[in-house]
Amino acid sequence: MQVHKNSTQAMRTIEALIAQTKGQFFTVAFIKQDGTTHVMNCRTGVKKYLKGTTTVNRSITDVKTPSQYLNVWDATKRAYRSVNKETILWARVGGVLVVL
């Protein structure tokens, strides 16, 4: 387990670990907009369920500022979700737990 007091360093660690997964599943806990905590099993790189043209594909990945949001595929809901990086509490990626 890695515990970081510097959230910027922890976020960089999480982003680096997620980038290394190359589509493998990981778990992230975050605070939703309504203030509740949510734990999600998800992955990046899923394009199977995108519909439409390149414009639609681009809008899925570029709708929100890439630096603030993490676009993932929620395995439970079977839908795309955006996670606000600023509200992430912890992430477990490849067996490594990073707590913010």
C-alpha atoms as a PDB file:
ATOM      1  CA  MET A   1       0.000   0.000   0.000  1.00  0.00           C
ATOM      2  CA  GLN A   2       1.221   3.467  -0.838  1.00  0.00           C
ATOM      3  CA  VAL A   3      -0.102   6.389   1.202  1.00  0.00           C
ATOM      4  CA  HIS A   4       0.614   9.856  -0.124  1.00  0.00           C
ATOM      5  CA  LYS A   5       0.260  13.111   1.729  1.00  0.00           C
ATOM      6  CA  ASN A   6       0.921  15.046  -1.458  1.00  0.00           C
ATOM      7  CA  SER A   7      -2.207  14.581  -3.564  1.00  0.00           C
ATOM      8  CA  THR A   8      -0.448  15.793  -6.724  1.00  0.00           C
ATOM      9  CA  GLN A   9       2.172  13.077  -6.393  1.00  0.00           C
ATOM     10  CA  ALA A  10      -0.496  10.479  -5.604  1.00  0.00           C
ATOM     11  CA  MET A  11      -2.562  11.507  -8.632  1.00  0.00           C
ATOM     12  CA  ARG A  12       0.488  11.186 -10.869  1.00  0.00           C
ATOM     13  CA  THR A  13       1.100   7.717  -9.412  1.00  0.00           C
ATOM     14  CA  ILE A  14      -2.508   6.688 -10.057  1.00  0.00           C
ATOM     15  CA  GLU A  15      -2.433   8.057 -13.608  1.00  0.00           C
ATOM     16  CA  ALA A  16       0.841   6.255 -14.342  1.00  0.00           C
ATOM     17  CA  LEU A  17      -0.463   2.959 -12.951  1.00  0.00           C
ATOM     18  CA  ILE A  18      -3.707   3.238 -14.937  1.00  0.00           C
ATOM     19  CA  ALA A  19      -1.766   3.991 -18.119  1.00  0.00           C
ATOM     20  CA  GLN A  20       0.289   0.834 -17.551  1.00  0.00           C
ATOM     21  CA  THR A  21      -2.824  -1.364 -17.251  1.00  0.00           C
ATOM     22  CA  LYS A  22      -3.461  -1.176 -21.006  1.00  0.00           C
ATOM     23  CA  GLY A  23      -7.146  -1.957 -20.531  1.00  0.00           C
ATOM     24  CA  GLN A  24      -6.968  -4.245 -17.492  1.00  0.00           C
ATOM     25  CA  PHE A  25      -9.463  -3.754 -14.692  1.00  0.00           C
ATOM     26  CA  PHE A  26      -8.782  -1.570 -11.671  1.00  0.00           C
ATOM     27  CA  THR A  27     -10.823  -0.288  -8.732  1.00  0.00           C
ATOM     28  CA  VAL A  28     -11.279   3.321  -7.770  1.00  0.00           C
ATOM     29  CA  ALA A  29     -13.181   4.952  -4.882  1.00  0.00           C
ATOM     30  CA  PHE A  30     -14.360   8.523  -5.234  1.00  0.00           C
ATOM     31  CA  ILE A  31     -16.944  11.018  -4.016  1.00  0.00           C
ATOM     32  CA  LYS A  32     -19.854  11.464  -6.407  1.00  0.00           C
ATOM     33  CA  GLN A  33     -21.444  14.836  -7.179  1.00  0.00           C
ATOM     34  CA  ASP A  34     -24.215  14.144  -4.667  1.00  0.00           C
ATOM     35  CA  GLY A  35     -21.609  13.670  -1.901  1.00  0.00           C
ATOM     36  CA  THR A  36     -21.849   9.891  -1.580  1.00  0.00           C
ATOM     37  CA  THR A  37     -18.834   7.602  -1.837  1.00  0.00           C
ATOM     38  CA  HIS A  38     -18.742   5.171  -4.751  1.00  0.00           C
ATOM     39  CA  VAL A  39     -16.389   2.259  -5.427  1.00  0.00           C
ATOM     40  CA  MET A  40     -16.152   1.295  -9.085  1.00  0.00           C
ATOM     41  CA  ASN A  41     -14.497  -1.620 -10.868  1.00  0.00           C
ATOM     42  CA  CYS A  42     -13.549  -0.206 -14.245  1.00  0.00           C
ATOM     43  CA  ARG A  43     -11.089  -0.097 -17.111  1.00  0.00           C
ATOM     44  CA  THR A  44      -9.898   2.265 -19.792  1.00  0.00           C
ATOM     45  CA  GLY A  45      -9.634   1.742 -23.521  1.00  0.00           C
ATOM     46  CA  VAL A  46     -13.074   0.215 -24.129  1.00  0.00           C
ATOM     47  CA  LYS A  47     -14.412   1.292 -27.524  1.00  0.00           C
ATOM     48  CA  LYS A  48     -16.824  -1.539 -28.312  1.00  0.00           C
ATOM     49  CA  TYR A  49     -19.951   0.307 -27.194  1.00  0.00           C
ATOM     50  CA  LEU A  50     -19.245   3.623 -28.894  1.00  0.00           C
ATOM     51  CA  LYS A  51     -21.807   4.475 -31.543  1.00  0.00           C
ATOM     52  CA  GLY A  52     -21.785   6.907 -34.377  1.00  0.00           C
ATOM     53  CA  THR A  53     -19.053   8.638 -36.269  1.00  0.00           C
ATOM     54  CA  THR A  54     -15.641   9.888 -35.328  1.00  0.00           C
ATOM     55  CA  THR A  55     -17.308  12.988 -33.887  1.00  0.00           C
ATOM     56  CA  VAL A  56     -19.185  10.845 -31.378  1.00  0.00           C
ATOM     57  CA  ASN A  57     -16.048   8.865 -30.538  1.00  0.00           C
ATOM     58  CA  ARG A  58     -14.135  12.068 -29.998  1.00  0.00           C
ATOM     59  CA  SER A  59     -16.870  13.509 -27.787  1.00  0.00           C
ATOM     60  CA  ILE A  60     -16.758  10.479 -25.453  1.00  0.00           C
ATOM     61  CA  THR A  61     -13.074  10.963 -24.752  1.00  0.00           C
ATOM     62  CA  ASP A  62     -12.887  14.753 -25.000  1.00  0.00           C
ATOM     63  CA  VAL A  63     -16.157  15.893 -23.450  1.00  0.00           C
ATOM     64  CA  LYS A  64     -14.508  17.043 -20.253  1.00  0.00           C
ATOM     65  CA  THR A  65     -11.099  18.442 -19.562  1.00  0.00           C
ATOM     66  CA  PRO A  66      -8.684  15.477 -19.724  1.00  0.00           C
ATOM     67  CA  SER A  67      -6.685  16.847 -16.823  1.00  0.00           C
ATOM     68  CA  GLN A  68      -9.696  16.897 -14.481  1.00  0.00           C
ATOM     69  CA  TYR A  69     -11.656  13.769 -15.468  1.00  0.00           C
ATOM     70  CA  LEU A  70     -10.808  10.118 -15.988  1.00  0.00           C
ATOM     71  CA  ASN A  71     -13.024   8.452 -18.623  1.00  0.00           C
ATOM     72  CA  VAL A  72     -13.566   4.757 -17.865  1.00  0.00           C
ATOM     73  CA  TRP A  73     -15.831   1.808 -18.631  1.00  0.00           C
ATOM     74  CA  ASP A  74     -17.808   0.779 -15.518  1.00  0.00           C
ATOM     75  CA  ALA A  75     -17.919  -3.031 -15.517  1.00  0.00           C
ATOM     76  CA  THR A  76     -20.939  -3.202 -13.186  1.00  0.00           C
ATOM     77  CA  LYS A  77     -23.153  -0.670 -14.965  1.00  0.00           C
ATOM     78  CA  ARG A  78     -21.733  -1.614 -18.386  1.00  0.00           C
ATOM     79  CA  ALA A  79     -21.520   2.039 -19.355  1.00  0.00           C
ATOM     80  CA  TYR A  80     -18.991   4.817 -19.767  1.00  0.00           C
ATOM     81  CA  ARG A  81     -18.362   6.987 -16.714  1.00  0.00           C
ATOM     82  CA  SER A  82     -16.258  10.040 -15.955  1.00  0.00           C
ATOM     83  CA  VAL A  83     -14.500  10.214 -12.592  1.00  0.00           C
ATOM     84  CA  ASN A  84     -13.413  13.586 -11.241  1.00  0.00           C
ATOM     85  CA  LYS A  85      -9.762  13.083 -10.325  1.00  0.00           C
ATOM     86  CA  GLU A  86     -10.024  15.674  -7.566  1.00  0.00           C
ATOM     87  CA  THR A  87     -12.540  13.511  -5.665  1.00  0.00           C
ATOM     88  CA  ILE A  88     -10.654  10.195  -5.823  1.00  0.00           C
ATOM     89  CA  LEU A  89     -10.114   8.699  -2.352  1.00  0.00           C
ATOM     90  CA  TRP A  90      -8.097   5.626  -3.331  1.00  0.00           C
ATOM     91  CA  ALA A  91      -7.320   3.392  -6.271  1.00  0.00           C
ATOM     92  CA  ARG A  92      -6.172  -0.215  -6.537  1.00  0.00           C
ATOM     93  CA  VAL A  93      -4.307  -0.774  -9.782  1.00  0.00           C
ATOM     94  CA  GLY A  94      -2.443  -3.983 -10.539  1.00  0.00           C
ATOM     95  CA  GLY A  95      -2.412  -5.004  -6.883  1.00  0.00           C
ATOM     96  CA  VAL A  96      -1.045  -1.641  -5.738  1.00  0.00           C
ATOM     97  CA  LEU A  97      -3.300   0.402  -3.446  1.00  0.00           C
ATOM     98  CA  VAL A  98      -2.747   4.165  -3.585  1.00  0.00           C
ATOM     99  CA  VAL A  99      -4.542   6.178  -0.913  1.00  0.00           C
ATOM    100  CA  LEU A 100      -4.914   9.934  -1.200  1.00  0.00           C
END
